[in-house]
């Protein structure tokens, strides 16, 4: 399955319907990252603006789909 962009309320409703309103589901994994880092010479680079991203993986007790990934940018 490929990524589907959520742009508005209709897309949110579609996601909820697709995944059974998250009934009998659980959050399996969560990963958060930024573009900030400390280089090999210990200098720090901090991204400009809001650069935080988060990806969540949910599992549920039903098929089609039994898992869904959500990426927040």
N, C-alpha and C. Protein backbone atom coordinates (compact mmCIF):
# COMPACT_ATOMS: atom_id res chain seq x y z
N UNK A 1 0.85 -1.18 0.00
CA UNK A 1 0.00 0.00 0.00
C UNK A 1 0.89 1.24 0.00
N UNK A 2 0.43 2.29 -0.60
CA UNK A 2 1.22 3.52 -0.67
C UNK A 2 0.67 4.57 0.29
N UNK A 3 1.46 5.63 0.49
CA UNK A 3 1.06 6.72 1.36
C UNK A 3 -0.11 7.49 0.74
N UNK A 4 -1.06 7.89 1.57
CA UNK A 4 -2.20 8.71 1.16
C UNK A 4 -2.15 9.99 1.97
N UNK A 5 -2.14 11.12 1.31
CA UNK A 5 -2.06 12.40 2.00
C UNK A 5 -3.42 12.79 2.55
N UNK A 6 -3.43 13.21 3.81
CA UNK A 6 -4.66 13.67 4.47
C UNK A 6 -4.67 15.20 4.38
N UNK A 7 -5.69 15.73 3.70
CA UNK A 7 -5.74 17.18 3.48
C UNK A 7 -6.91 17.87 4.18
N UNK A 8 -7.92 17.12 4.58
CA UNK A 8 -9.08 17.77 5.18
C UNK A 8 -9.97 16.77 5.91
N UNK A 9 -11.13 17.25 6.34
CA UNK A 9 -12.05 16.44 7.13
C UNK A 9 -12.53 15.20 6.39
N UNK A 10 -12.77 15.31 5.10
CA UNK A 10 -13.21 14.14 4.33
C UNK A 10 -12.14 13.05 4.31
N UNK A 11 -10.87 13.45 4.20
CA UNK A 11 -9.76 12.49 4.21
C UNK A 11 -9.63 11.84 5.59
N UNK A 12 -9.83 12.62 6.65
CA UNK A 12 -9.78 12.07 8.00
C UNK A 12 -10.89 11.04 8.19
N UNK A 13 -12.09 11.38 7.73
CA UNK A 13 -13.22 10.47 7.83
C UNK A 13 -12.93 9.17 7.07
N UNK A 14 -12.34 9.28 5.88
CA UNK A 14 -11.97 8.10 5.10
C UNK A 14 -10.97 7.22 5.82
N UNK A 15 -9.97 7.83 6.46
CA UNK A 15 -8.98 7.07 7.22
C UNK A 15 -9.64 6.34 8.38
N UNK A 16 -10.50 7.03 9.11
CA UNK A 16 -11.19 6.41 10.24
C UNK A 16 -12.06 5.24 9.78
N UNK A 17 -12.76 5.41 8.68
CA UNK A 17 -13.60 4.32 8.16
C UNK A 17 -12.74 3.14 7.68
N UNK A 18 -11.64 3.43 7.01
CA UNK A 18 -10.74 2.39 6.51
C UNK A 18 -10.21 1.53 7.65
N UNK A 19 -9.89 2.16 8.77
CA UNK A 19 -9.25 1.43 9.88
C UNK A 19 -10.23 1.16 11.02
N UNK A 20 -11.53 1.16 10.72
CA UNK A 20 -12.53 0.79 11.71
C UNK A 20 -12.56 1.69 12.93
N UNK A 21 -12.29 2.98 12.70
CA UNK A 21 -12.26 3.97 13.78
C UNK A 21 -11.28 3.58 14.89
N UNK A 22 -10.24 2.80 14.50
CA UNK A 22 -9.18 2.35 15.41
C UNK A 22 -9.72 1.45 16.52
N UNK A 23 -10.89 0.84 16.30
CA UNK A 23 -11.47 -0.10 17.26
C UNK A 23 -10.60 -1.36 17.34
N UNK A 24 -10.35 -1.85 18.54
CA UNK A 24 -9.49 -3.02 18.77
C UNK A 24 -8.13 -2.85 18.12
N UNK A 25 -7.57 -1.65 18.22
CA UNK A 25 -6.24 -1.40 17.68
C UNK A 25 -5.29 -1.00 18.81
N UNK A 26 -4.01 -1.08 18.53
CA UNK A 26 -3.01 -0.66 19.50
C UNK A 26 -1.87 0.04 18.77
N UNK A 27 -1.23 0.95 19.47
CA UNK A 27 -0.05 1.62 18.95
C UNK A 27 1.14 0.67 19.13
N UNK A 28 1.71 0.21 18.03
CA UNK A 28 2.81 -0.75 18.06
C UNK A 28 4.17 -0.06 18.13
N UNK A 29 4.37 0.97 17.31
CA UNK A 29 5.65 1.67 17.25
C UNK A 29 5.41 3.17 17.09
N UNK A 30 6.36 3.95 17.62
CA UNK A 30 6.33 5.40 17.45
C UNK A 30 7.78 5.87 17.30
N UNK A 31 8.04 6.64 16.25
CA UNK A 31 9.38 7.17 16.03
C UNK A 31 9.25 8.67 15.74
N UNK A 32 10.08 9.45 16.39
CA UNK A 32 10.09 10.90 16.18
C UNK A 32 11.52 11.32 15.89
N UNK A 33 11.68 12.28 14.95
CA UNK A 33 13.02 12.76 14.63
C UNK A 33 12.96 14.21 14.15
N UNK A 34 14.13 14.84 14.16
CA UNK A 34 14.30 16.20 13.64
C UNK A 34 15.50 16.20 12.70
N UNK A 35 15.75 17.34 12.09
CA UNK A 35 16.93 17.50 11.24
C UNK A 35 18.15 17.96 12.03
N UNK A 36 18.01 18.15 13.33
CA UNK A 36 19.12 18.60 14.17
C UNK A 36 20.10 17.45 14.42
N UNK A 37 21.38 17.80 14.56
CA UNK A 37 22.40 16.79 14.84
C UNK A 37 23.66 17.44 15.39
N UNK A 38 24.51 16.61 15.99
CA UNK A 38 25.86 17.02 16.42
C UNK A 38 26.84 16.31 15.51
N UNK A 39 27.71 17.08 14.86
CA UNK A 39 28.67 16.57 13.88
C UNK A 39 29.85 15.89 14.58
N UNK A 40 30.73 15.26 13.79
CA UNK A 40 31.89 14.54 14.32
C UNK A 40 32.83 15.45 15.12
N UNK A 41 32.86 16.76 14.79
CA UNK A 41 33.70 17.69 15.53
C UNK A 41 32.94 18.37 16.67
N UNK A 42 31.79 17.83 17.03
CA UNK A 42 30.93 18.28 18.12
C UNK A 42 30.23 19.61 17.85
N UNK A 43 30.22 20.05 16.60
CA UNK A 43 29.43 21.24 16.26
C UNK A 43 27.99 20.80 16.03
N UNK A 44 27.07 21.66 16.40
CA UNK A 44 25.66 21.32 16.33
C UNK A 44 24.98 22.05 15.19
N UNK A 45 24.09 21.35 14.52
CA UNK A 45 23.27 21.95 13.47
C UNK A 45 21.81 21.78 13.89
N UNK A 46 21.10 22.89 13.92
CA UNK A 46 19.69 22.87 14.30
C UNK A 46 18.88 23.38 13.12
N UNK A 47 17.90 22.61 12.70
CA UNK A 47 17.06 22.99 11.58
C UNK A 47 16.27 24.26 11.84
N UNK A 48 15.97 24.97 10.79
CA UNK A 48 15.18 26.19 10.91
C UNK A 48 13.69 25.83 10.87
N UNK A 49 12.91 26.53 11.64
CA UNK A 49 11.47 26.29 11.62
C UNK A 49 11.11 24.99 12.32
N UNK A 50 9.92 24.54 12.06
CA UNK A 50 9.42 23.31 12.66
C UNK A 50 9.81 22.13 11.78
N UNK A 51 10.82 21.38 12.20
CA UNK A 51 11.34 20.28 11.37
C UNK A 51 11.07 18.91 12.00
N UNK A 52 10.21 18.86 13.00
CA UNK A 52 9.92 17.60 13.69
C UNK A 52 9.00 16.73 12.84
N UNK A 53 9.34 15.45 12.75
CA UNK A 53 8.53 14.47 12.04
C UNK A 53 8.25 13.31 12.98
N UNK A 54 7.10 12.65 12.79
CA UNK A 54 6.74 11.52 13.63
C UNK A 54 6.02 10.48 12.80
N UNK A 55 6.38 9.22 13.01
CA UNK A 55 5.72 8.11 12.33
C UNK A 55 5.17 7.16 13.38
N UNK A 56 3.91 6.76 13.20
CA UNK A 56 3.23 5.86 14.13
C UNK A 56 2.74 4.63 13.37
N UNK A 57 2.90 3.45 13.98
CA UNK A 57 2.42 2.21 13.40
C UNK A 57 1.37 1.62 14.33
N UNK A 58 0.17 1.41 13.80
CA UNK A 58 -0.93 0.81 14.55
C UNK A 58 -1.23 -0.57 14.00
N UNK A 59 -1.54 -1.51 14.90
CA UNK A 59 -2.04 -2.84 14.55
C UNK A 59 -3.47 -2.94 15.05
N UNK A 60 -4.26 -3.81 14.39
CA UNK A 60 -5.62 -4.06 14.89
C UNK A 60 -5.99 -5.52 14.66
N UNK A 61 -7.09 -5.94 15.27
CA UNK A 61 -7.52 -7.33 15.24
C UNK A 61 -8.40 -7.67 14.05
N UNK A 62 -8.35 -6.90 13.00
CA UNK A 62 -9.14 -7.14 11.80
C UNK A 62 -8.22 -7.11 10.58
N UNK A 63 -8.70 -7.62 9.44
CA UNK A 63 -7.93 -7.62 8.20
C UNK A 63 -8.32 -6.44 7.31
N UNK A 64 -7.51 -6.23 6.31
CA UNK A 64 -7.75 -5.26 5.23
C UNK A 64 -8.07 -3.84 5.71
N UNK A 65 -7.12 -3.13 6.23
CA UNK A 65 -5.76 -3.51 6.60
C UNK A 65 -5.68 -3.91 8.08
N UNK A 66 -4.71 -4.75 8.40
CA UNK A 66 -4.49 -5.14 9.79
C UNK A 66 -3.47 -4.22 10.47
N UNK A 67 -2.78 -3.41 9.68
CA UNK A 67 -1.81 -2.45 10.20
C UNK A 67 -1.87 -1.19 9.36
N UNK A 68 -1.55 -0.06 9.99
CA UNK A 68 -1.55 1.21 9.26
C UNK A 68 -0.44 2.09 9.83
N UNK A 69 0.28 2.76 8.95
CA UNK A 69 1.32 3.69 9.35
C UNK A 69 0.86 5.11 9.09
N UNK A 70 1.14 6.00 10.03
CA UNK A 70 0.77 7.41 9.88
C UNK A 70 2.04 8.24 10.06
N UNK A 71 2.30 9.12 9.10
CA UNK A 71 3.48 9.99 9.13
C UNK A 71 3.01 11.43 9.28
N UNK A 72 3.50 12.10 10.32
CA UNK A 72 3.20 13.51 10.56
C UNK A 72 4.43 14.33 10.17
N UNK A 73 4.24 15.30 9.30
CA UNK A 73 5.35 16.17 8.88
C UNK A 73 4.99 17.61 9.15
